[in-house]
Amino acid sequence: MLQVEGVMKSFDGFMAVNGANLTVGKGEIVAVIGPNGAGKTTLFNLITGTLRRDRGRIVFKGEDISELPPYEICKRGISRSYQIVNIFPRLTVFGNVQVAVLSHQRKSSNLFRPAQNIAVEETRRILESVGLLNKEKSIAGSLSHGDQKILEIAIALGNEPELLILDEPTAGMSPEETSATMELVRRLAKTRGLTILFCEHDMDIVFSVAQSIMVMRYGQTIIQASPEEVRNNKEVQEAYLGGE
């Protein structure tokens, strides 16, 4: 579904991504790991068009999307969440997801139709699928940090994506919230037929959830393989897992 081939990106001479390679198959849950500054978030920004790569190719479902703007990439079926929560804090939980659904349905620019009556069922189905339906009338900014991260996933689902990219989906969560969130990710992948690409610092999560792991260091891909192969790779052990 997604192929990243030799992608490079520099900032004022600093190579943030320096020849990254990544393959994500349809229906897979794939993790990207690496030390702080390895280039993980920059890679996600390149895939989603937030940044423009210097070299290399990004191919989604057979189409080179390297030069496309973010909104075109979104239209093609890629949605993402962010490391720092990115919601509309003054809107209700329902309103946050409804905006995403309306945008996907190309109805967000219709100024002459009451928005509260549009896409109600679609919005509620998404909220129910992530466990936030009972909080649909709550102001988004009043939610707990964990629920705000879940809401962000719900907003991403409003685009009806085929590929969902999650940038540290459990950052700042309690162990209980972390476990519930990753169980939700597993369930969404199964029930919605989603392909998931995520980065995460918690290695217990990575090795228990991911079917394939890509390891980055200094902007480069060290390896992409099964969790067991990655765990046993000497270069990964020395560079990232402490040589244990």
Foldseek 3Di string as FASTA:
>chain_A
DKWWFQWWDADPRQTLAGGATDDFDQLFAEEEEEDPSLNPVVVVCQQQQVDQTPDTFMADPRRTCRPPHNVVSLLVFEFEADPDQDFDQQQFLLVGQLCLLCVLVVNNPPPPDPSVPPCNVVSLVLCVLLVNNVRRGPRLNPDDPLVSLSSRVSNRCSNVHQEYEYEASQPPHDPVSVVSVLVSVVVCSVPSSHGYYYYHDPVVSNLVRGQWYWYGGSNYTPDIGGSVCLVPDQVCCVRPVVRD
